[in-house]
Amino acid sequence: SAVGAGEYTVSYPAEIVIPWDAPTYDAEYTVDTQLAVGKKINVSVADKTSGTLTGTMTATGTEDTLEYTLSGAVATEYDEVSNVTEKITFTVANWNKTIAEYSNYITFTVVLGDK
């Protein structure tokens, strides 16, 4: 949050577990704002490595990878007063890989600005 501009909180899970073989999976995050008049925040979600809505999860102990795409509330603007739960959807392209624990990181970016 920023002094004089109001307060905001964006909460998201530290770990998102996608069930094996699920064609899509929804994860939630929440946004609470009490901003000064004329202020807004923009929240965006992206793959940490690529900086885009597509990414690659890598299997522990192998070189297998799973590609995924993010959709849903991946770039959203919030006004002065908001209290919402949003969903981002992970779509995995091809589950025909070694069954293992795959991991990757996504980044949530919050930008405070003027309307």
C-alpha atoms as a PDB file:
ATOM      1  CA  SER A   1       0.000   0.000   0.000  1.00  0.00           C
ATOM      2  CA  ALA A   2       1.031   3.626  -0.345  1.00  0.00           C
ATOM      3  CA  VAL A   3       0.722   6.446   2.209  1.00  0.00           C
ATOM      4  CA  GLY A   4      -1.786   9.102   1.124  1.00  0.00           C
ATOM      5  CA  ALA A   5      -3.087   6.973  -1.737  1.00  0.00           C
ATOM      6  CA  GLY A   6      -5.073   4.615   0.494  1.00  0.00           C
ATOM      7  CA  GLU A   7      -4.561   0.922   1.111  1.00  0.00           C
ATOM      8  CA  TYR A   8      -4.803  -2.264  -0.882  1.00  0.00           C
ATOM      9  CA  THR A   9      -4.185  -5.961  -0.354  1.00  0.00           C
ATOM     10  CA  VAL A  10      -3.755  -8.619  -3.019  1.00  0.00           C
ATOM     11  CA  SER A  11      -3.749 -12.146  -1.566  1.00  0.00           C
ATOM     12  CA  TYR A  12      -2.878 -15.312  -3.455  1.00  0.00           C
ATOM     13  CA  PRO A  13      -1.842 -18.848  -2.513  1.00  0.00           C
ATOM     14  CA  ALA A  14       1.858 -19.533  -2.002  1.00  0.00           C
ATOM     15  CA  GLU A  15       1.443 -22.845  -3.815  1.00  0.00           C
ATOM     16  CA  ILE A  16      -1.071 -23.910  -6.453  1.00  0.00           C
ATOM     17  CA  VAL A  17      -1.460 -27.656  -6.941  1.00  0.00           C
ATOM     18  CA  ILE A  18      -2.966 -28.678 -10.280  1.00  0.00           C
ATOM     19  CA  PRO A  19      -4.477 -32.179 -10.259  1.00  0.00           C
ATOM     20  CA  TRP A  20      -2.756 -34.556 -12.692  1.00  0.00           C
ATOM     21  CA  ASP A  21      -4.529 -34.826 -16.049  1.00  0.00           C
ATOM     22  CA  ALA A  22      -6.883 -31.894 -15.362  1.00  0.00           C
ATOM     23  CA  PRO A  23      -7.515 -30.087 -18.669  1.00  0.00           C
ATOM     24  CA  THR A  24      -7.962 -26.798 -16.801  1.00  0.00           C
ATOM     25  CA  TYR A  25      -7.601 -25.675 -13.217  1.00  0.00           C
ATOM     26  CA  ASP A  26      -8.851 -22.485 -11.545  1.00  0.00           C
ATOM     27  CA  ALA A  27      -6.885 -20.765  -8.797  1.00  0.00           C
ATOM     28  CA  GLU A  28      -8.267 -17.816  -6.847  1.00  0.00           C
ATOM     29  CA  TYR A  29      -6.816 -14.569  -5.569  1.00  0.00           C
ATOM     30  CA  THR A  30      -8.475 -11.703  -3.707  1.00  0.00           C
ATOM     31  CA  VAL A  31      -8.220  -7.948  -4.069  1.00  0.00           C
ATOM     32  CA  ASP A  32      -9.271  -5.500  -1.340  1.00  0.00           C
ATOM     33  CA  THR A  33      -8.890  -1.777  -1.967  1.00  0.00           C
ATOM     34  CA  GLN A  34      -9.659   1.391  -0.048  1.00  0.00           C
ATOM     35  CA  LEU A  35      -7.927   3.934  -2.227  1.00  0.00           C
ATOM     36  CA  ALA A  36      -8.052   7.716  -2.313  1.00  0.00           C
ATOM     37  CA  VAL A  37     -10.438   9.296  -4.809  1.00  0.00           C
ATOM     38  CA  GLY A  38      -8.971   9.205  -8.309  1.00  0.00           C
ATOM     39  CA  LYS A  39      -6.635   6.271  -7.619  1.00  0.00           C
ATOM     40  CA  LYS A  40      -6.674   2.729  -9.004  1.00  0.00           C
ATOM     41  CA  ILE A  41      -4.544  -0.391  -9.007  1.00  0.00           C
ATOM     42  CA  ASN A  42      -3.809  -2.732 -11.886  1.00  0.00           C
ATOM     43  CA  VAL A  43      -3.103  -6.377 -11.086  1.00  0.00           C
ATOM     44  CA  SER A  44      -1.460  -8.591 -13.680  1.00  0.00           C
ATOM     45  CA  VAL A  45      -0.413 -12.230 -13.609  1.00  0.00           C
ATOM     46  CA  ALA A  46       2.282 -13.785 -15.793  1.00  0.00           C
ATOM     47  CA  ASP A  47       4.740 -16.643 -16.001  1.00  0.00           C
ATOM     48  CA  LYS A  48       7.850 -15.551 -14.087  1.00  0.00           C
ATOM     49  CA  THR A  49      10.350 -16.735 -16.713  1.00  0.00           C
ATOM     50  CA  SER A  50       8.648 -15.654 -19.931  1.00  0.00           C
ATOM     51  CA  GLY A  51       6.751 -12.650 -18.561  1.00  0.00           C
ATOM     52  CA  THR A  52       3.814 -13.758 -20.707  1.00  0.00           C
ATOM     53  CA  LEU A  53       0.661 -15.834 -20.286  1.00  0.00           C
ATOM     54  CA  THR A  54       2.428 -19.024 -21.402  1.00  0.00           C
ATOM     55  CA  GLY A  55       4.948 -20.975 -19.380  1.00  0.00           C
ATOM     56  CA  THR A  56       6.688 -24.284 -18.859  1.00  0.00           C
ATOM     57  CA  MET A  57       6.659 -26.455 -15.755  1.00  0.00           C
ATOM     58  CA  THR A  58       9.683 -28.727 -15.284  1.00  0.00           C
ATOM     59  CA  ALA A  59       9.567 -32.151 -13.650  1.00  0.00           C
ATOM     60  CA  THR A  60      11.680 -32.859 -10.607  1.00  0.00           C
ATOM     61  CA  GLY A  61      14.352 -35.442 -11.459  1.00  0.00           C
ATOM     62  CA  THR A  62      13.697 -35.493 -15.213  1.00  0.00           C
ATOM     63  CA  GLU A  63      13.913 -33.133 -18.148  1.00  0.00           C
ATOM     64  CA  ASP A  64      10.205 -33.526 -18.976  1.00  0.00           C
ATOM     65  CA  THR A  65       8.176 -30.343 -19.221  1.00  0.00           C
ATOM     66  CA  LEU A  66       4.506 -29.389 -19.299  1.00  0.00           C
ATOM     67  CA  GLU A  67       3.444 -26.255 -21.148  1.00  0.00           C
ATOM     68  CA  TYR A  68       0.579 -24.177 -19.789  1.00  0.00           C
ATOM     69  CA  THR A  69      -1.403 -21.057 -20.598  1.00  0.00           C
ATOM     70  CA  LEU A  70      -2.930 -18.607 -18.121  1.00  0.00           C
ATOM     71  CA  SER A  71      -6.331 -17.004 -18.696  1.00  0.00           C
ATOM     72  CA  GLY A  72      -9.117 -15.375 -16.709  1.00  0.00           C
ATOM     73  CA  ALA A  73      -8.381 -12.344 -14.498  1.00  0.00           C
ATOM     74  CA  VAL A  74      -4.781 -11.962 -15.678  1.00  0.00           C
ATOM     75  CA  ALA A  75      -4.857  -8.168 -16.203  1.00  0.00           C
ATOM     76  CA  THR A  76      -7.505  -6.334 -14.214  1.00  0.00           C
ATOM     77  CA  GLU A  77      -8.093  -2.791 -12.931  1.00  0.00           C
ATOM     78  CA  TYR A  78      -9.624  -2.003  -9.539  1.00  0.00           C
ATOM     79  CA  ASP A  79     -11.162   1.287  -8.425  1.00  0.00           C
ATOM     80  CA  GLU A  80     -11.146   3.048  -5.078  1.00  0.00           C
ATOM     81  CA  VAL A  81     -13.246   0.470  -3.194  1.00  0.00           C
ATOM     82  CA  SER A  82     -13.098  -3.194  -4.196  1.00  0.00           C
ATOM     83  CA  ASN A  83     -13.487  -6.482  -2.383  1.00  0.00           C
ATOM     84  CA  VAL A  84     -13.418  -9.240  -4.985  1.00  0.00           C
ATOM     85  CA  THR A  85     -12.254 -12.781  -5.542  1.00  0.00           C
ATOM     86  CA  GLU A  86     -10.793 -13.415  -8.978  1.00  0.00           C
ATOM     87  CA  LYS A  87      -9.887 -16.592 -10.843  1.00  0.00           C
ATOM     88  CA  ILE A  88      -6.971 -17.404 -13.067  1.00  0.00           C
ATOM     89  CA  THR A  89      -7.191 -20.548 -15.162  1.00  0.00           C
ATOM     90  CA  PHE A  90      -4.272 -22.834 -15.926  1.00  0.00           C
ATOM     91  CA  THR A  91      -4.667 -24.839 -19.140  1.00  0.00           C
ATOM     92  CA  VAL A  92      -2.045 -27.558 -19.570  1.00  0.00           C
ATOM     93  CA  ALA A  93      -1.363 -28.401 -23.205  1.00  0.00           C
ATOM     94  CA  ASN A  94      -0.367 -32.077 -23.002  1.00  0.00           C
ATOM     95  CA  TRP A  95      -0.330 -34.415 -20.000  1.00  0.00           C
ATOM     96  CA  ASN A  96       1.355 -37.274 -21.919  1.00  0.00           C
ATOM     97  CA  LYS A  97       4.540 -37.032 -19.872  1.00  0.00           C
ATOM     98  CA  THR A  98       6.204 -38.859 -17.009  1.00  0.00           C
ATOM     99  CA  ILE A  99       4.103 -38.643 -13.870  1.00  0.00           C
ATOM    100  CA  ALA A 100       6.215 -36.523 -11.544  1.00  0.00           C
ATOM    101  CA  GLU A 101       6.103 -33.297  -9.572  1.00  0.00           C
ATOM    102  CA  TYR A 102       6.289 -30.381 -12.004  1.00  0.00           C
ATOM    103  CA  SER A 103       6.908 -26.835 -10.869  1.00  0.00           C
ATOM    104  CA  ASN A 104       7.233 -23.268 -12.056  1.00  0.00           C
ATOM    105  CA  TYR A 105       6.539 -19.746 -10.802  1.00  0.00           C
ATOM    106  CA  ILE A 106       3.982 -17.127 -11.714  1.00  0.00           C
ATOM    107  CA  THR A 107       4.291 -13.458 -10.793  1.00  0.00           C
ATOM    108  CA  PHE A 108       1.568 -11.117  -9.544  1.00  0.00           C
ATOM    109  CA  THR A 109       2.347  -7.452 -10.286  1.00  0.00           C
ATOM    110  CA  VAL A 110       0.408  -4.583  -8.672  1.00  0.00           C
ATOM    111  CA  VAL A 111       0.711  -1.023 -10.003  1.00  0.00           C
ATOM    112  CA  LEU A 112      -0.845   1.919  -8.164  1.00  0.00           C
ATOM    113  CA  GLY A 113      -1.807   4.850 -10.360  1.00  0.00           C
ATOM    114  CA  ASP A 114      -4.258   7.591 -11.202  1.00  0.00           C
ATOM    115  CA  LYS A 115      -7.549   6.956 -12.950  1.00  0.00           C
END
